Amino acid sequence: MADIARRNDDDEPTTASAPVAARAKSLLQEEELRAIETLYIDGITAVQIVDVFTSRGIKFSEASFRKYVQQGLLPRSRRVGRKGKHRGSLGVYPSKTIRRINAVKGLMADGYTIEEIQGQFLLYTDLVESVAENLAELWTRLGTDIAGLEDDTTRRELDRELADARNDSDRLVQRLGSITRRVAAPRTDSLRLAGAAGGAEDLL
C-alpha cells in the first residue's frame, strides 16, 4: 500500500457541505470492509486498525483511536495471550471495529456532534452490523456449498443469483445505515451551522 498517495489532514471533509466524492475517498467502501473483516476474522489489534486506514491514505492516528475508545464509540476488546513465556496478553478488537470507525468517520463528515454519535445511533449500529455480519457468513457458506456442486449449469446459475443477492444485501445494509443516521441523530441546520458544543473534530 506504500504506493498509495497520502492525503493531507485537511483533506478529510468535516461538514455536510463537503462534496460526495471527497467524502467517499475518506471512507472505506463495502468491498474493502468485507475483505478486511475476512482477513481479521479472529480479531484485530489497535496498531493493525490504525494501519488499515493510514495504509489506504485515510487520516486516522493512534491518538484518534484512543479518543474513540474513551468516548465509548467502539466495541470492547478482549485480552489474548501472546505465545511464549512472560509475553503477557494483547488487546484484540472484533473485526467489525473497522466498520464502526468507518461509520463514525462518515457521521463526523456529515457534521454530527459527539453527543449525537454517542446517543441513539450506537443503539442501532450494533443491529445493523449484526445484519451485515450474518449476511456475510451466509454468503460464505452458500458460496462454499455452491462451489461443491457437480452440475456446472446449476453451479453457474446459482453463482449469478448469489452475486445478485449480495449486491442487493449491500444496498440494504447501506440503506439501513442511512436510515439509522437520520432517525438516531436529528438536528436542525442552525445547530450544525452554529457549531454545537461537543463537535467531533477532535476525533479526526
Protein backbone atom coordinates (compact mmCIF):
# COMPACT_ATOMS: atom_id res chain seq x y z
CA MET A 1 0.00 0.00 0.00
CA ALA A 2 3.06 2.26 0.14
CA ASP A 3 2.41 3.44 -3.42
CA ILE A 4 -0.95 4.96 -2.47
CA ALA A 5 -0.73 8.73 -2.36
CA ARG A 6 -1.36 10.18 1.10
CA ARG A 7 -3.88 12.97 1.52
CA ASN A 8 -3.24 15.95 3.75
CA ASP A 9 -5.01 16.04 7.12
CA ASP A 10 -7.16 18.92 5.91
CA ASP A 11 -8.46 16.85 3.01
CA GLU A 12 -10.96 14.96 5.16
CA PRO A 13 -14.39 16.64 4.97
CA THR A 14 -15.87 17.72 8.27
CA THR A 15 -19.18 19.28 7.22
CA ALA A 16 -22.26 18.16 5.39
CA SER A 17 -21.42 20.56 2.56
CA ALA A 18 -18.31 18.58 1.53
CA PRO A 19 -18.54 17.04 -1.94
CA VAL A 20 -19.83 13.49 -2.01
CA ALA A 21 -16.77 12.33 -3.95
CA ALA A 22 -14.39 13.75 -1.34
CA ARG A 23 -16.38 12.11 1.44
CA ALA A 24 -16.24 8.73 -0.31
CA LYS A 25 -12.47 8.94 -0.66
CA SER A 26 -12.13 9.46 3.09
CA LEU A 27 -14.03 6.26 3.87
CA LEU A 28 -13.61 2.55 3.22
CA GLN A 29 -16.03 1.04 0.73
CA GLU A 30 -18.17 -2.03 1.41
CA GLU A 31 -15.96 -4.36 -0.64
CA GLU A 32 -12.91 -3.25 1.35
CA LEU A 33 -14.74 -3.66 4.64
CA ARG A 34 -15.73 -7.24 3.81
CA ALA A 35 -12.18 -8.11 2.77
CA ILE A 36 -10.75 -6.65 5.99
CA GLU A 37 -13.30 -8.43 8.16
CA THR A 38 -12.43 -11.71 6.45
CA LEU A 39 -8.69 -11.11 6.88
CA TYR A 40 -9.04 -10.30 10.59
CA ILE A 41 -11.89 -12.66 11.35
CA ASP A 42 -10.24 -13.69 14.65
CA GLY A 43 -9.72 -10.11 15.79
CA ILE A 44 -7.54 -7.09 15.12
CA THR A 45 -5.14 -5.08 17.29
CA ALA A 46 -5.14 -1.32 17.75
CA VAL A 47 -1.94 -1.00 15.70
CA GLN A 48 -3.47 -3.00 12.86
CA ILE A 49 -6.64 -0.91 13.00
CA VAL A 50 -4.70 2.32 12.56
CA ASP A 51 -2.68 0.76 9.74
CA VAL A 52 -5.83 -0.32 7.89
CA PHE A 53 -6.77 3.34 7.46
CA THR A 54 -3.38 5.02 7.12
CA SER A 55 -2.12 2.45 4.58
CA ARG A 56 -5.04 3.49 2.38
CA GLY A 57 -4.30 7.19 2.73
CA ILE A 58 -7.16 7.79 5.19
CA LYS A 59 -6.42 10.01 8.16
CA PHE A 60 -6.51 8.08 11.45
CA SER A 61 -3.94 8.11 14.24
CA GLU A 62 -3.28 6.18 17.44
CA ALA A 63 -4.38 9.29 19.34
CA SER A 64 -7.67 9.28 17.42
CA PHE A 65 -8.13 5.59 18.20
CA ARG A 66 -7.64 6.24 21.92
CA LYS A 67 -10.25 9.01 21.78
CA TYR A 68 -12.72 6.65 20.09
CA VAL A 69 -12.19 4.19 22.94
CA GLN A 70 -12.52 6.88 25.62
CA GLN A 71 -15.77 8.11 24.08
CA GLY A 72 -17.24 4.59 24.09
CA LEU A 73 -17.62 4.55 20.32
CA LEU A 74 -16.01 1.14 19.74
CA PRO A 75 -16.90 -2.43 20.72
CA ARG A 76 -14.97 -3.83 23.66
CA SER A 77 -11.64 -5.55 23.21
CA ARG A 78 -10.65 -8.91 24.66
CA ARG A 79 -7.30 -9.99 26.02
CA VAL A 80 -5.46 -12.69 24.12
CA GLY A 81 -2.33 -14.33 25.49
CA ARG A 82 0.83 -13.99 23.42
CA LYS A 83 2.85 -17.03 22.51
CA GLY A 84 5.97 -17.62 24.56
CA LYS A 85 6.78 -17.20 28.21
CA HIS A 86 6.38 -13.90 30.02
CA ARG A 87 4.93 -12.13 26.99
CA GLY A 88 1.67 -11.11 28.65
CA SER A 89 -1.54 -10.53 26.73
CA LEU A 90 -2.65 -8.41 23.83
CA GLY A 91 -5.85 -6.41 23.40
CA VAL A 92 -7.77 -7.61 20.35
CA TYR A 93 -10.87 -5.97 18.92
CA PRO A 94 -13.57 -7.66 16.82
CA SER A 95 -13.14 -7.16 13.09
CA LYS A 96 -16.34 -5.09 12.98
CA THR A 97 -14.38 -2.33 14.76
CA ILE A 98 -13.14 -1.19 11.35
CA ARG A 99 -16.73 -0.88 10.12
CA ARG A 100 -17.68 1.04 13.28
CA ILE A 101 -14.82 3.53 12.88
CA ASN A 102 -15.70 3.95 9.23
CA ALA A 103 -19.33 4.68 10.12
CA VAL A 104 -18.37 7.18 12.82
CA LYS A 105 -16.00 8.97 10.43
CA GLY A 106 -18.86 9.21 7.96
CA LEU A 107 -21.10 10.75 10.61
CA MET A 108 -18.40 13.24 11.54
CA ALA A 109 -18.02 14.17 7.87
CA ASP A 110 -21.79 14.81 7.83
CA GLY A 111 -21.44 17.22 10.76
CA TYR A 112 -22.82 15.20 13.67
CA THR A 113 -21.61 16.01 17.20
CA ILE A 114 -20.01 13.52 19.58
CA GLU A 115 -23.16 13.53 21.70
CA GLU A 116 -25.30 12.65 18.71
CA ILE A 117 -22.94 9.88 17.67
CA GLN A 118 -22.79 8.53 21.22
CA GLY A 119 -26.55 8.61 21.53
CA GLN A 120 -29.21 6.58 19.90
CA PHE A 121 -27.08 5.97 16.79
CA LEU A 122 -24.95 3.40 18.62
CA LEU A 123 -28.05 1.54 19.71
CA TYR A 124 -28.88 0.97 16.06
CA THR A 125 -25.31 0.40 14.94
CA ASP A 126 -24.91 -2.97 16.64
CA LEU A 127 -28.12 -4.19 15.00
CA VAL A 128 -27.09 -3.05 11.52
CA GLU A 129 -23.61 -4.52 12.00
CA SER A 130 -25.15 -7.82 13.08
CA VAL A 131 -27.24 -7.89 9.90
CA ALA A 132 -24.10 -7.29 7.81
CA GLU A 133 -22.12 -9.94 9.70
CA ASN A 134 -24.86 -12.58 9.42
CA LEU A 135 -25.30 -11.90 5.72
CA ALA A 136 -21.54 -12.16 5.17
CA GLU A 137 -21.50 -15.54 6.91
CA LEU A 138 -24.47 -16.67 4.83
CA TRP A 139 -22.73 -15.67 1.56
CA THR A 140 -19.60 -17.53 2.61
CA ARG A 141 -21.46 -20.73 3.43
CA LEU A 142 -23.60 -20.59 0.32
CA GLY A 143 -20.57 -19.85 -1.84
CA THR A 144 -18.74 -22.87 -0.43
CA ASP A 145 -21.69 -25.19 -0.97
CA ILE A 146 -22.37 -23.89 -4.46
CA ALA A 147 -18.72 -24.38 -5.43
CA GLY A 148 -19.05 -28.04 -4.45
CA LEU A 149 -21.98 -28.75 -6.78
CA GLU A 150 -21.19 -31.19 -9.58
CA ASP A 151 -23.64 -29.84 -12.15
CA ASP A 152 -21.85 -26.98 -13.96
CA THR A 153 -25.03 -25.37 -15.25
CA THR A 154 -26.65 -25.29 -11.82
CA ARG A 155 -23.45 -24.01 -10.22
CA ARG A 156 -23.09 -21.13 -12.66
CA GLU A 157 -26.76 -20.21 -12.31
CA LEU A 158 -26.58 -20.19 -8.52
CA ASP A 159 -23.31 -18.22 -8.61
CA ARG A 160 -25.05 -15.48 -10.59
CA GLU A 161 -28.05 -15.48 -8.26
CA LEU A 162 -25.78 -15.34 -5.23
CA ALA A 163 -23.83 -12.42 -6.69
CA ASP A 164 -27.09 -10.56 -7.33
CA ALA A 165 -28.28 -11.29 -3.80
CA ARG A 166 -25.00 -9.99 -2.36
CA ASN A 167 -25.34 -6.76 -4.31
CA ASP A 168 -28.91 -6.39 -3.05
CA SER A 169 -27.78 -7.01 0.52
CA ASP A 170 -25.01 -4.41 0.25
CA ARG A 171 -27.58 -1.85 -0.84
CA LEU A 172 -29.87 -2.92 2.00
CA VAL A 173 -27.15 -2.50 4.64
CA GLN A 174 -26.19 0.89 3.22
CA ARG A 175 -29.83 1.97 3.20
CA LEU A 176 -30.33 0.81 6.78
CA GLY A 177 -27.23 2.75 7.80
CA SER A 178 -28.60 5.86 6.13
CA ILE A 179 -31.99 5.45 7.80
CA THR A 180 -30.50 4.93 11.26
CA ARG A 181 -28.35 8.04 10.91
CA ARG A 182 -31.40 10.09 10.06
CA VAL A 183 -33.52 8.61 12.84
CA ALA A 184 -30.88 8.50 15.56
CA ALA A 185 -29.32 11.93 15.33
CA PRO A 186 -31.91 14.50 14.22
CA ARG A 187 -30.70 18.08 14.37
CA THR A 188 -31.52 21.44 12.83
CA ASP A 189 -29.44 23.23 10.23
CA SER A 190 -28.97 26.08 12.68
CA LEU A 191 -27.36 23.70 15.19
CA ARG A 192 -24.95 22.44 12.56
CA LEU A 193 -24.09 25.92 11.29
CA ALA A 194 -23.63 27.26 14.79
CA GLY A 195 -21.04 24.58 15.59
CA ALA A 196 -22.65 22.92 18.60
CA ALA A 197 -20.57 22.07 21.64
CA GLY A 198 -19.15 18.59 21.58
CA GLY A 199 -18.13 18.74 17.96
CA ALA A 200 -16.37 15.68 16.67
CA GLU A 201 -13.36 17.45 15.18
CA ASP A 202 -11.08 16.18 17.94
CA LEU A 203 -11.82 12.61 16.85
CA LEU A 204 -10.47 13.13 13.34
